[in-house]
């Protein structure tokens, strides 16, 4: 199993973000997308800190898919510089980790949900 990671994406429009994350899963760039309720964020703009609500999604994927996710975000994301930090997944439920690897791999048969 290759290196797995979690990629976090935020955006000002939660509906856009949900559709964007779904497209990443449909295209097998991510095994799953976990949508979080919109919440406040503080951002520095024009020398001041502004607060606004943003949507947040956590993607579970393989490390070799991150560059494609970043490229897609650069072309489609409403922010000029979208934030997409990736964190390694170092351990967890072996069945779930295998499922992530299968869903983002090149295997022609996809599983229906994480293995139990």
PDB file of N, CA and C in Angstrom:
ATOM      1  N   UNK A   1       0.861  -1.177   0.000  1.00  0.00           N
ATOM      2  CA  UNK A   1       0.000   0.000   0.000  1.00  0.00           C
ATOM      3  C   UNK A   1       0.899   1.229   0.000  1.00  0.00           C
ATOM      4  N   UNK A   2       0.613   2.189  -0.886  1.00  0.00           N
ATOM      5  CA  UNK A   2       1.404   3.414  -0.972  1.00  0.00           C
ATOM      6  C   UNK A   2       1.143   4.345   0.202  1.00  0.00           C
ATOM      7  N   UNK A   3       1.821   5.464   0.208  1.00  0.00           N
ATOM      8  CA  UNK A   3       1.619   6.449   1.256  1.00  0.00           C
ATOM      9  C   UNK A   3       0.233   7.066   1.124  1.00  0.00           C
ATOM     10  N   UNK A   4      -0.459   7.167   2.239  1.00  0.00           N
ATOM     11  CA  UNK A   4      -1.793   7.754   2.269  1.00  0.00           C
ATOM     12  C   UNK A   4      -1.740   9.088   2.983  1.00  0.00           C
ATOM     13  N   UNK A   5      -2.690   9.967   2.656  1.00  0.00           N
ATOM     14  CA  UNK A   5      -2.707  11.268   3.309  1.00  0.00           C
ATOM     15  C   UNK A   5      -4.117  11.827   3.372  1.00  0.00           C
ATOM     16  N   UNK A   6      -4.244  12.860   4.182  1.00  0.00           N
ATOM     17  CA  UNK A   6      -5.477  13.628   4.292  1.00  0.00           C
ATOM     18  C   UNK A   6      -5.179  15.009   3.734  1.00  0.00           C
ATOM     19  N   UNK A   7      -6.025  15.477   2.830  1.00  0.00           N
ATOM     20  CA  UNK A   7      -5.879  16.807   2.245  1.00  0.00           C
ATOM     21  C   UNK A   7      -7.070  17.634   2.707  1.00  0.00           C
ATOM     22  N   UNK A   8      -6.806  18.810   3.245  1.00  0.00           N
ATOM     23  CA  UNK A   8      -7.851  19.719   3.708  1.00  0.00           C
ATOM     24  C   UNK A   8      -8.022  20.827   2.674  1.00  0.00           C
ATOM     25  N   UNK A   9      -9.267  21.088   2.294  1.00  0.00           N
ATOM     26  CA  UNK A   9      -9.562  22.177   1.367  1.00  0.00           C
ATOM     27  C   UNK A   9     -10.637  23.054   1.986  1.00  0.00           C
ATOM     28  N   UNK A  10     -10.455  24.357   1.922  1.00  0.00           N
ATOM     29  CA  UNK A  10     -11.477  25.303   2.368  1.00  0.00           C
ATOM     30  C   UNK A  10     -11.882  26.163   1.173  1.00  0.00           C
ATOM     31  N   UNK A  11     -13.102  26.705   1.251  1.00  0.00           N
ATOM     32  CA  UNK A  11     -13.598  27.586   0.189  1.00  0.00           C
ATOM     33  C   UNK A  11     -14.716  28.451   0.756  1.00  0.00           C
ATOM     34  N   UNK A  12     -14.943  29.615   0.160  1.00  0.00           N
ATOM     35  CA  UNK A  12     -15.960  30.527   0.679  1.00  0.00           C
ATOM     36  C   UNK A  12     -17.392  30.056   0.423  1.00  0.00           C
ATOM     37  N   UNK A  13     -17.590  29.176  -0.549  1.00  0.00           N
ATOM     38  CA  UNK A  13     -18.928  28.691  -0.892  1.00  0.00           C
ATOM     39  C   UNK A  13     -19.010  27.195  -0.578  1.00  0.00           C
ATOM     40  N   UNK A  14     -19.665  26.813   0.526  1.00  0.00           N
ATOM     41  CA  UNK A  14     -19.742  25.402   0.899  1.00  0.00           C
ATOM     42  C   UNK A  14     -20.380  24.518  -0.179  1.00  0.00           C
ATOM     43  N   UNK A  15     -21.354  25.025  -0.920  1.00  0.00           N
ATOM     44  CA  UNK A  15     -21.983  24.228  -1.978  1.00  0.00           C
ATOM     45  C   UNK A  15     -20.996  23.962  -3.117  1.00  0.00           C
ATOM     46  N   UNK A  16     -20.232  24.975  -3.504  1.00  0.00           N
ATOM     47  CA  UNK A  16     -19.206  24.783  -4.522  1.00  0.00           C
ATOM     48  C   UNK A  16     -18.194  23.748  -4.043  1.00  0.00           C
ATOM     49  N   UNK A  17     -17.778  23.875  -2.791  1.00  0.00           N
ATOM     50  CA  UNK A  17     -16.768  22.975  -2.237  1.00  0.00           C
ATOM     51  C   UNK A  17     -17.260  21.533  -2.222  1.00  0.00           C
ATOM     52  N   UNK A  18     -18.507  21.327  -1.869  1.00  0.00           N
ATOM     53  CA  UNK A  18     -19.078  19.982  -1.854  1.00  0.00           C
ATOM     54  C   UNK A  18     -19.066  19.386  -3.265  1.00  0.00           C
ATOM     55  N   UNK A  19     -19.470  20.169  -4.255  1.00  0.00           N
ATOM     56  CA  UNK A  19     -19.474  19.698  -5.641  1.00  0.00           C
ATOM     57  C   UNK A  19     -18.039  19.427  -6.123  1.00  0.00           C
ATOM     58  N   UNK A  20     -17.111  20.284  -5.755  1.00  0.00           N
ATOM     59  CA  UNK A  20     -15.712  20.104  -6.137  1.00  0.00           C
ATOM     60  C   UNK A  20     -15.164  18.813  -5.538  1.00  0.00           C
ATOM     61  N   UNK A  21     -15.425  18.601  -4.247  1.00  0.00           N
ATOM     62  CA  UNK A  21     -14.945  17.386  -3.575  1.00  0.00           C
ATOM     63  C   UNK A  21     -15.565  16.148  -4.209  1.00  0.00           C
ATOM     64  N   UNK A  22     -16.844  16.212  -4.531  1.00  0.00           N
ATOM     65  CA  UNK A  22     -17.504  15.072  -5.170  1.00  0.00           C
ATOM     66  C   UNK A  22     -16.831  14.738  -6.504  1.00  0.00           C
ATOM     67  N   UNK A  23     -16.464  15.764  -7.275  1.00  0.00           N
ATOM     68  CA  UNK A  23     -15.806  15.511  -8.560  1.00  0.00           C
ATOM     69  C   UNK A  23     -14.457  14.833  -8.352  1.00  0.00           C
ATOM     70  N   UNK A  24     -13.757  15.167  -7.280  1.00  0.00           N
ATOM     71  CA  UNK A  24     -12.473  14.528  -6.993  1.00  0.00           C
ATOM     72  C   UNK A  24     -12.657  13.050  -6.659  1.00  0.00           C
ATOM     73  N   UNK A  25     -13.727  12.739  -5.916  1.00  0.00           N
ATOM     74  CA  UNK A  25     -14.023  11.337  -5.594  1.00  0.00           C
ATOM     75  C   UNK A  25     -14.455  10.590  -6.863  1.00  0.00           C
ATOM     76  N   UNK A  26     -15.322  11.211  -7.657  1.00  0.00           N
ATOM     77  CA  UNK A  26     -15.775  10.569  -8.900  1.00  0.00           C
ATOM     78  C   UNK A  26     -14.609  10.267  -9.844  1.00  0.00           C
ATOM     79  N   UNK A  27     -13.609  11.137  -9.854  1.00  0.00           N
ATOM     80  CA  UNK A  27     -12.448  10.956 -10.722  1.00  0.00           C
ATOM     81  C   UNK A  27     -11.337  10.139 -10.053  1.00  0.00           C
ATOM     82  N   UNK A  28     -11.620   9.571  -8.911  1.00  0.00           N
ATOM     83  CA  UNK A  28     -10.716   8.710  -8.142  1.00  0.00           C
ATOM     84  C   UNK A  28      -9.443   9.404  -7.689  1.00  0.00           C
ATOM     85  N   UNK A  29      -9.512  10.736  -7.546  1.00  0.00           N
ATOM     86  CA  UNK A  29      -8.380  11.453  -6.971  1.00  0.00           C
ATOM     87  C   UNK A  29      -8.424  11.379  -5.446  1.00  0.00           C
ATOM     88  N   UNK A  30      -9.580  11.069  -4.896  1.00  0.00           N
ATOM     89  CA  UNK A  30      -9.748  10.872  -3.458  1.00  0.00           C
ATOM     90  C   UNK A  30     -10.714   9.719  -3.251  1.00  0.00           C
ATOM     91  N   UNK A  31     -10.503   8.969  -2.162  1.00  0.00           N
ATOM     92  CA  UNK A  31     -11.398   7.857  -1.846  1.00  0.00           C
ATOM     93  C   UNK A  31     -12.666   8.362  -1.192  1.00  0.00           C
ATOM     94  N   UNK A  32     -12.538   9.429  -0.400  1.00  0.00           N
ATOM     95  CA  UNK A  32     -13.700   9.974   0.295  1.00  0.00           C
ATOM     96  C   UNK A  32     -13.490  11.447   0.584  1.00  0.00           C
ATOM     97  N   UNK A  33     -14.608  12.121   0.801  1.00  0.00           N
ATOM     98  CA  UNK A  33     -14.588  13.543   1.154  1.00  0.00           C
ATOM     99  C   UNK A  33     -15.519  13.732   2.341  1.00  0.00           C
ATOM    100  N   UNK A  34     -14.993  14.261   3.415  1.00  0.00           N
ATOM    101  CA  UNK A  34     -15.759  14.471   4.632  1.00  0.00           C
ATOM    102  C   UNK A  34     -16.004  15.971   4.784  1.00  0.00           C
ATOM    103  N   UNK A  35     -17.245  16.349   4.604  1.00  0.00           N
ATOM    104  CA  UNK A  35     -17.647  17.754   4.618  1.00  0.00           C
ATOM    105  C   UNK A  35     -17.912  18.192   6.051  1.00  0.00           C
ATOM    106  N   UNK A  36     -17.385  19.331   6.430  1.00  0.00           N
ATOM    107  CA  UNK A  36     -17.614  19.903   7.754  1.00  0.00           C
ATOM    108  C   UNK A  36     -18.516  21.116   7.622  1.00  0.00           C
ATOM    109  N   UNK A  37     -19.317  21.359   8.642  1.00  0.00           N
ATOM    110  CA  UNK A  37     -20.217  22.512   8.631  1.00  0.00           C
ATOM    111  C   UNK A  37     -19.405  23.791   8.465  1.00  0.00           C
ATOM    112  N   UNK A  38     -19.923  24.754   7.700  1.00  0.00           N
ATOM    113  CA  UNK A  38     -19.206  26.028   7.545  1.00  0.00           C
ATOM    114  C   UNK A  38     -18.960  26.673   8.901  1.00  0.00           C
ATOM    115  N   UNK A  39     -17.812  27.300   9.018  1.00  0.00           N
ATOM    116  CA  UNK A  39     -17.469  27.960  10.267  1.00  0.00           C
ATOM    117  C   UNK A  39     -16.654  29.208  10.010  1.00  0.00           C
ATOM    118  N   UNK A  40     -16.444  29.973  11.062  1.00  0.00           N
ATOM    119  CA  UNK A  40     -15.700  31.234  10.898  1.00  0.00           C
ATOM    120  C   UNK A  40     -14.216  30.983  10.683  1.00  0.00           C
ATOM    121  N   UNK A  41     -13.616  31.883   9.930  1.00  0.00           N
ATOM    122  CA  UNK A  41     -12.179  31.850   9.701  1.00  0.00           C
ATOM    123  C   UNK A  41     -11.686  33.287   9.711  1.00  0.00           C
ATOM    124  N   UNK A  42     -10.482  33.478  10.219  1.00  0.00           N
ATOM    125  CA  UNK A  42      -9.865  34.806  10.214  1.00  0.00           C
ATOM    126  C   UNK A  42      -8.790  34.818   9.139  1.00  0.00           C
ATOM    127  N   UNK A  43      -8.901  35.778   8.231  1.00  0.00           N
ATOM    128  CA  UNK A  43      -7.961  35.884   7.119  1.00  0.00           C
ATOM    129  C   UNK A  43      -7.384  37.292   7.038  1.00  0.00           C
ATOM    130  N   UNK A  44      -6.062  37.396   6.870  1.00  0.00           N
ATOM    131  CA  UNK A  44      -5.485  38.721   6.656  1.00  0.00           C
ATOM    132  C   UNK A  44      -5.702  39.163   5.212  1.00  0.00           C
ATOM    133  N   UNK A  45      -6.309  40.329   5.046  1.00  0.00           N
ATOM    134  CA  UNK A  45      -6.509  40.900   3.702  1.00  0.00           C
ATOM    135  C   UNK A  45      -6.305  42.402   3.791  1.00  0.00           C
ATOM    136  N   UNK A  46      -5.519  42.914   2.884  1.00  0.00           N
ATOM    137  CA  UNK A  46      -5.261  44.356   2.799  1.00  0.00           C
ATOM    138  C   UNK A  46      -4.820  44.925   4.143  1.00  0.00           C
ATOM    139  N   UNK A  47      -3.949  44.179   4.839  1.00  0.00           N
ATOM    140  CA  UNK A  47      -3.394  44.677   6.089  1.00  0.00           C
ATOM    141  C   UNK A  47      -4.312  44.562   7.298  1.00  0.00           C
ATOM    142  N   UNK A  48      -5.484  43.979   7.153  1.00  0.00           N
ATOM    143  CA  UNK A  48      -6.412  43.799   8.268  1.00  0.00           C
ATOM    144  C   UNK A  48      -6.852  42.346   8.327  1.00  0.00           C
ATOM    145  N   UNK A  49      -7.311  41.922   9.490  1.00  0.00           N
ATOM    146  CA  UNK A  49      -7.832  40.571   9.651  1.00  0.00           C
ATOM    147  C   UNK A  49      -9.346  40.625   9.523  1.00  0.00           C
ATOM    148  N   UNK A  50      -9.873  39.832   8.600  1.00  0.00           N
ATOM    149  CA  UNK A  50     -11.311  39.788   8.348  1.00  0.00           C
ATOM    150  C   UNK A  50     -11.848  38.414   8.733  1.00  0.00           C
ATOM    151  N   UNK A  51     -13.059  38.385   9.261  1.00  0.00           N
ATOM    152  CA  UNK A  51     -13.694  37.120   9.613  1.00  0.00           C
ATOM    153  C   UNK A  51     -14.839  36.848   8.650  1.00  0.00           C
ATOM    154  N   UNK A  52     -14.918  35.602   8.178  1.00  0.00           N
ATOM    155  CA  UNK A  52     -16.035  35.180   7.342  1.00  0.00           C
ATOM    156  C   UNK A  52     -16.183  33.664   7.477  1.00  0.00           C
ATOM    157  N   UNK A  53     -17.288  33.145   6.994  1.00  0.00           N
ATOM    158  CA  UNK A  53     -17.527  31.706   7.044  1.00  0.00           C
ATOM    159  C   UNK A  53     -16.922  31.033   5.816  1.00  0.00           C
ATOM    160  N   UNK A  54     -16.403  29.832   6.019  1.00  0.00           N
ATOM    161  CA  UNK A  54     -15.862  29.023   4.931  1.00  0.00           C
ATOM    162  C   UNK A  54     -16.327  27.581   5.113  1.00  0.00           C
ATOM    163  N   UNK A  55     -16.433  26.870   4.005  1.00  0.00           N
ATOM    164  CA  UNK A  55     -16.644  25.431   4.065  1.00  0.00           C
ATOM    165  C   UNK A  55     -15.303  24.740   4.183  1.00  0.00           C
ATOM    166  N   UNK A  56     -15.319  23.510   4.694  1.00  0.00           N
ATOM    167  CA  UNK A  56     -14.076  22.755   4.874  1.00  0.00           C
ATOM    168  C   UNK A  56     -14.348  21.294   4.531  1.00  0.00           C
ATOM    169  N   UNK A  57     -13.454  20.699   3.755  1.00  0.00           N
ATOM    170  CA  UNK A  57     -13.561  19.296   3.379  1.00  0.00           C
ATOM    171  C   UNK A  57     -12.234  18.611   3.679  1.00  0.00           C
ATOM    172  N   UNK A  58     -12.336  17.405   4.182  1.00  0.00           N
ATOM    173  CA  UNK A  58     -11.174  16.555   4.407  1.00  0.00           C
ATOM    174  C   UNK A  58     -11.233  15.407   3.403  1.00  0.00           C
ATOM    175  N   UNK A  59     -10.196  15.279   2.594  1.00  0.00           N
ATOM    176  CA  UNK A  59     -10.114  14.206   1.605  1.00  0.00           C
ATOM    177  C   UNK A  59      -9.157  13.135   2.097  1.00  0.00           C
ATOM    178  N   UNK A  60      -9.514  11.879   1.901  1.00  0.00           N
ATOM    179  CA  UNK A  60      -8.591  10.779   2.166  1.00  0.00           C
ATOM    180  C   UNK A  60      -8.147  10.247   0.812  1.00  0.00           C
ATOM    181  N   UNK A  61      -6.829  10.243   0.607  1.00  0.00           N
ATOM    182  CA  UNK A  61      -6.286   9.931  -0.707  1.00  0.00           C
ATOM    183  C   UNK A  61      -4.904   9.320  -0.574  1.00  0.00           C
ATOM    184  N   UNK A  62      -4.297   9.021  -1.717  1.00  0.00           N
ATOM    185  CA  UNK A  62      -2.915   8.551  -1.724  1.00  0.00           C
ATOM    186  C   UNK A  62      -2.008   9.728  -2.091  1.00  0.00           C
ATOM    187  N   UNK A  63      -0.802   9.658  -1.607  1.00  0.00           N
ATOM    188  CA  UNK A  63       0.147  10.763  -1.798  1.00  0.00           C
ATOM    189  C   UNK A  63       0.355  11.085  -3.277  1.00  0.00           C
ATOM    190  N   UNK A  64       0.330  10.068  -4.121  1.00  0.00           N
ATOM    191  CA  UNK A  64       0.582  10.330  -5.546  1.00  0.00           C
ATOM    192  C   UNK A  64      -0.580  11.030  -6.244  1.00  0.00           C
ATOM    193  N   UNK A  65      -1.697  11.231  -5.572  1.00  0.00           N
ATOM    194  CA  UNK A  65      -2.832  11.958  -6.146  1.00  0.00           C
ATOM    195  C   UNK A  65      -2.842  13.440  -5.747  1.00  0.00           C
ATOM    196  N   UNK A  66      -2.015  13.832  -4.805  1.00  0.00           N
ATOM    197  CA  UNK A  66      -2.037  15.210  -4.280  1.00  0.00           C
ATOM    198  C   UNK A  66      -1.731  16.232  -5.368  1.00  0.00           C
ATOM    199  N   UNK A  67      -0.742  15.986  -6.201  1.00  0.00           N
ATOM    200  CA  UNK A  67      -0.386  16.954  -7.252  1.00  0.00           C
ATOM    201  C   UNK A  67      -1.570  17.194  -8.185  1.00  0.00           C
ATOM    202  N   UNK A  68      -2.313  16.154  -8.532  1.00  0.00           N
ATOM    203  CA  UNK A  68      -3.477  16.317  -9.413  1.00  0.00           C
ATOM    204  C   UNK A  68      -4.593  17.090  -8.707  1.00  0.00           C
ATOM    205  N   UNK A  69      -4.761  16.867  -7.406  1.00  0.00           N
ATOM    206  CA  UNK A  69      -5.763  17.612  -6.639  1.00  0.00           C
ATOM    207  C   UNK A  69      -5.392  19.098  -6.599  1.00  0.00           C
ATOM    208  N   UNK A  70      -4.114  19.380  -6.354  1.00  0.00           N
ATOM    209  CA  UNK A  70      -3.639  20.773  -6.325  1.00  0.00           C
ATOM    210  C   UNK A  70      -3.826  21.420  -7.691  1.00  0.00           C
ATOM    211  N   UNK A  71      -3.492  20.709  -8.754  1.00  0.00           N
ATOM    212  CA  UNK A  71      -3.649  21.270 -10.105  1.00  0.00           C
ATOM    213  C   UNK A  71      -5.110  21.575 -10.399  1.00  0.00           C
ATOM    214  N   UNK A  72      -6.008  20.680 -10.024  1.00  0.00           N
ATOM    215  CA  UNK A  72      -7.440  20.905 -10.253  1.00  0.00           C
ATOM    216  C   UNK A  72      -7.903  22.120  -9.452  1.00  0.00           C
ATOM    217  N   UNK A  73      -7.456  22.228  -8.209  1.00  0.00           N
ATOM    218  CA  UNK A  73      -7.850  23.370  -7.381  1.00  0.00           C
ATOM    219  C   UNK A  73      -7.325  24.677  -7.971  1.00  0.00           C
ATOM    220  N   UNK A  74      -6.112  24.681  -8.460  1.00  0.00           N
ATOM    221  CA  UNK A  74      -5.552  25.905  -9.056  1.00  0.00           C
ATOM    222  C   UNK A  74      -6.394  26.399 -10.224  1.00  0.00           C
ATOM    223  N   UNK A  75      -6.968  25.475 -10.987  1.00  0.00           N
ATOM    224  CA  UNK A  75      -7.746  25.892 -12.156  1.00  0.00           C
ATOM    225  C   UNK A  75      -9.213  26.171 -11.845  1.00  0.00           C
ATOM    226  N   UNK A  76      -9.766  25.584 -10.784  1.00  0.00           N
ATOM    227  CA  UNK A  76     -11.198  25.705 -10.533  1.00  0.00           C
ATOM    228  C   UNK A  76     -11.575  26.447  -9.244  1.00  0.00           C
ATOM    229  N   UNK A  77     -10.681  26.533  -8.294  1.00  0.00           N
ATOM    230  CA  UNK A  77     -10.995  27.117  -6.984  1.00  0.00           C
ATOM    231  C   UNK A  77     -11.217  28.618  -7.087  1.00  0.00           C
ATOM    232  N   UNK A  78     -12.180  29.154  -6.313  1.00  0.00           N
ATOM    233  CA  UNK A  78     -12.437  30.600  -6.373  1.00  0.00           C
ATOM    234  C   UNK A  78     -11.317  31.465  -5.767  1.00  0.00           C
ATOM    235  N   UNK A  79     -10.482  30.894  -4.904  1.00  0.00           N
ATOM    236  CA  UNK A  79      -9.370  31.668  -4.349  1.00  0.00           C
ATOM    237  C   UNK A  79      -8.203  31.685  -5.325  1.00  0.00           C
ATOM    238  N   UNK A  80      -7.502  32.795  -5.358  1.00  0.00           N
ATOM    239  CA  UNK A  80      -6.312  32.898  -6.189  1.00  0.00           C
ATOM    240  C   UNK A  80      -5.246  31.913  -5.715  1.00  0.00           C
ATOM    241  N   UNK A  81      -5.129  31.761  -4.408  1.00  0.00           N
ATOM    242  CA  UNK A  81      -4.162  30.825  -3.827  1.00  0.00           C
ATOM    243  C   UNK A  81      -4.907  29.926  -2.833  1.00  0.00           C
ATOM    244  N   UNK A  82      -5.509  28.839  -3.321  1.00  0.00           N
ATOM    245  CA  UNK A  82      -6.237  27.958  -2.402  1.00  0.00           C
ATOM    246  C   UNK A  82      -5.271  27.207  -1.488  1.00  0.00           C
ATOM    247  N   UNK A  83      -5.682  27.057  -0.243  1.00  0.00           N
ATOM    248  CA  UNK A  83      -4.881  26.293   0.713  1.00  0.00           C
ATOM    249  C   UNK A  83      -5.260  24.823   0.647  1.00  0.00           C
ATOM    250  N   UNK A  84      -4.281  23.963   0.464  1.00  0.00           N
ATOM    251  CA  UNK A  84      -4.514  22.522   0.412  1.00  0.00           C
ATOM    252  C   UNK A  84      -3.402  21.791   1.162  1.00  0.00           C
ATOM    253  N   UNK A  85      -3.345  21.919   2.471  1.00  0.00           N
ATOM    254  CA  UNK A  85      -2.314  21.177   3.189  1.00  0.00           C
ATOM    255  C   UNK A  85      -2.601  19.680   3.153  1.00  0.00           C
ATOM    256  N   UNK A  86      -1.556  18.895   3.042  1.00  0.00           N
ATOM    257  CA  UNK A  86      -1.668  17.436   3.059  1.00  0.00           C
ATOM    258  C   UNK A  86      -0.916  16.912   4.279  1.00  0.00           C
ATOM    259  N   UNK A  87      -1.573  16.006   4.991  1.00  0.00           N
ATOM    260  CA  UNK A  87      -0.972  15.407   6.188  1.00  0.00           C
ATOM    261  C   UNK A  87      -0.878  13.900   5.974  1.00  0.00           C
ATOM    262  N   UNK A  88       0.232  13.301   6.366  1.00  0.00           N
ATOM    263  CA  UNK A  88       0.336  11.848   6.207  1.00  0.00           C
ATOM    264  C   UNK A  88      -0.627  11.125   7.153  1.00  0.00           C
ATOM    265  N   UNK A  89      -1.170  10.034   6.665  1.00  0.00           N
ATOM    266  CA  UNK A  89      -1.933   9.122   7.521  1.00  0.00           C
ATOM    267  C   UNK A  89      -0.948   8.033   7.904  1.00  0.00           C
ATOM    268  N   UNK A  90      -0.581   7.993   9.165  1.00  0.00           N
ATOM    269  CA  UNK A  90       0.475   7.082   9.589  1.00  0.00           C
ATOM    270  C   UNK A  90      -0.044   5.770  10.164  1.00  0.00           C
ATOM    271  N   UNK A  91      -1.334   5.715  10.504  1.00  0.00           N
ATOM    272  CA  UNK A  91      -1.875   4.488  11.078  1.00  0.00           C
ATOM    273  C   UNK A  91      -3.391   4.580  11.095  1.00  0.00           C
ATOM    274  N   UNK A  92      -4.042   3.492  11.369  1.00  0.00           N
ATOM    275  CA  UNK A  92      -5.488   3.479  11.453  1.00  0.00           C
ATOM    276  C   UNK A  92      -6.032   2.083  11.199  1.00  0.00           C
ATOM    277  N   UNK A  93      -7.324   2.002  10.949  1.00  0.00           N
ATOM    278  CA  UNK A  93      -7.977   0.735  10.664  1.00  0.00           C
ATOM    279  C   UNK A  93      -7.401   0.169   9.372  1.00  0.00           C
ATOM    280  N   UNK A  94      -6.742  -0.987   9.417  1.00  0.00           N
ATOM    281  CA  UNK A  94      -6.116  -1.536   8.215  1.00  0.00           C
ATOM    282  C   UNK A  94      -7.088  -1.714   7.049  1.00  0.00           C
ATOM    283  N   UNK A  95      -8.320  -2.120   7.319  1.00  0.00           N
ATOM    284  CA  UNK A  95      -9.298  -2.290   6.252  1.00  0.00           C
ATOM    285  C   UNK A  95      -9.633  -0.981   5.578  1.00  0.00           C
ATOM    286  N   UNK A  96      -9.781   0.088   6.372  1.00  0.00           N
ATOM    287  CA  UNK A  96     -10.090   1.404   5.814  1.00  0.00           C
ATOM    288  C   UNK A  96      -8.904   1.934   5.006  1.00  0.00           C
ATOM    289  N   UNK A  97      -7.703   1.753   5.527  1.00  0.00           N
ATOM    290  CA  UNK A  97      -6.520   2.225   4.810  1.00  0.00           C
ATOM    291  C   UNK A  97      -6.360   1.482   3.480  1.00  0.00           C
ATOM    292  N   UNK A  98      -6.639   0.179   3.471  1.00  0.00           N
ATOM    293  CA  UNK A  98      -6.585  -0.586   2.226  1.00  0.00           C
ATOM    294  C   UNK A  98      -7.641  -0.091   1.250  1.00  0.00           C
ATOM    295  N   UNK A  99      -8.812   0.267   1.768  1.00  0.00           N
ATOM    296  CA  UNK A  99      -9.884   0.789   0.923  1.00  0.00           C
ATOM    297  C   UNK A  99      -9.469   2.106   0.258  1.00  0.00           C
ATOM    298  N   UNK A 100      -8.841   3.015   1.020  1.00  0.00           N
ATOM    299  CA  UNK A 100      -8.349   4.274   0.443  1.00  0.00           C
ATOM    300  C   UNK A 100      -7.379   3.965  -0.696  1.00  0.00           C
ATOM    301  N   UNK A 101      -6.442   3.056  -0.448  1.00  0.00           N
ATOM    302  CA  UNK A 101      -5.449   2.712  -1.468  1.00  0.00           C
ATOM    303  C   UNK A 101      -6.117   2.122  -2.703  1.00  0.00           C
ATOM    304  N   UNK A 102      -7.116   1.282  -2.510  1.00  0.00           N
ATOM    305  CA  UNK A 102      -7.822   0.681  -3.648  1.00  0.00           C
ATOM    306  C   UNK A 102      -8.578   1.740  -4.440  1.00  0.00           C
ATOM    307  N   UNK A 103      -9.286   2.611  -3.747  1.00  0.00           N
ATOM    308  CA  UNK A 103     -10.105   3.620  -4.414  1.00  0.00           C
ATOM    309  C   UNK A 103      -9.284   4.646  -5.183  1.00  0.00           C
ATOM    310  N   UNK A 104      -8.079   4.895  -4.748  1.00  0.00           N
ATOM    311  CA  UNK A 104      -7.246   5.896  -5.424  1.00  0.00           C
ATOM    312  C   UNK A 104      -6.156   5.258  -6.279  1.00  0.00           C
ATOM    313  N   UNK A 105      -6.180   3.936  -6.364  1.00  0.00           N
ATOM    314  CA  UNK A 105      -5.181   3.210  -7.153  1.00  0.00           C
ATOM    315  C   UNK A 105      -5.631   3.018  -8.582  1.00  0.00           C
ATOM    316  N   UNK A 106      -4.958   2.120  -9.248  1.00  0.00           N
ATOM    317  CA  UNK A 106      -5.265   1.874 -10.652  1.00  0.00           C
ATOM    318  C   UNK A 106      -6.070   0.600 -10.856  1.00  0.00           C
ATOM    319  N   UNK A 107      -6.489  -0.038  -9.774  1.00  0.00           N
ATOM    320  CA  UNK A 107      -7.287  -1.268  -9.901  1.00  0.00           C
ATOM    321  C   UNK A 107      -8.581  -0.972 -10.627  1.00  0.00           C
ATOM    322  N   UNK A 108      -9.013  -1.883 -11.480  1.00  0.00           N
ATOM    323  CA  UNK A 108     -10.225  -1.651 -12.258  1.00  0.00           C
ATOM    324  C   UNK A 108     -11.492  -1.939 -11.460  1.00  0.00           C
ATOM    325  N   UNK A 109     -11.398  -2.695 -10.375  1.00  0.00           N
ATOM    326  CA  UNK A 109     -12.573  -2.999  -9.563  1.00  0.00           C
ATOM    327  C   UNK A 109     -12.522  -2.161  -8.306  1.00  0.00           C
ATOM    328  N   UNK A 110     -13.604  -1.414  -8.067  1.00  0.00           N
ATOM    329  CA  UNK A 110     -13.684  -0.565  -6.882  1.00  0.00           C
ATOM    330  C   UNK A 110     -14.538  -1.249  -5.840  1.00  0.00           C
ATOM    331  N   UNK A 111     -14.194  -1.050  -4.594  1.00  0.00           N
ATOM    332  CA  UNK A 111     -14.981  -1.582  -3.491  1.00  0.00           C
ATOM    333  C   UNK A 111     -16.159  -0.648  -3.253  1.00  0.00           C
ATOM    334  N   UNK A 112     -17.214  -1.154  -2.668  1.00  0.00           N
ATOM    335  CA  UNK A 112     -18.369  -0.332  -2.307  1.00  0.00           C
ATOM    336  C   UNK A 112     -18.318  -0.056  -0.822  1.00  0.00           C
ATOM    337  N   UNK A 113     -17.634   1.009  -0.441  1.00  0.00           N
ATOM    338  CA  UNK A 113     -17.494   1.369   0.963  1.00  0.00           C
ATOM    339  C   UNK A 113     -16.286   0.678   1.572  1.00  0.00           C
ATOM    340  N   UNK A 114     -15.859   1.180   2.733  1.00  0.00           N
ATOM    341  CA  UNK A 114     -14.697   0.602   3.400  1.00  0.00           C
ATOM    342  C   UNK A 114     -14.931  -0.845   3.797  1.00  0.00           C
ATOM    343  N   UNK A 115     -13.906  -1.656   3.743  1.00  0.00           N
ATOM    344  CA  UNK A 115     -13.988  -3.049   4.193  1.00  0.00           C
ATOM    345  C   UNK A 115     -14.215  -3.090   5.702  1.00  0.00           C
ATOM    346  N   UNK A 116     -14.876  -4.105   6.125  1.00  0.00           N
ATOM    347  CA  UNK A 116     -15.134  -4.240   7.577  1.00  0.00           C
ATOM    348  C   UNK A 116     -14.119  -5.145   8.214  1.00  0.00           C
TER     349      UNK A 116
END
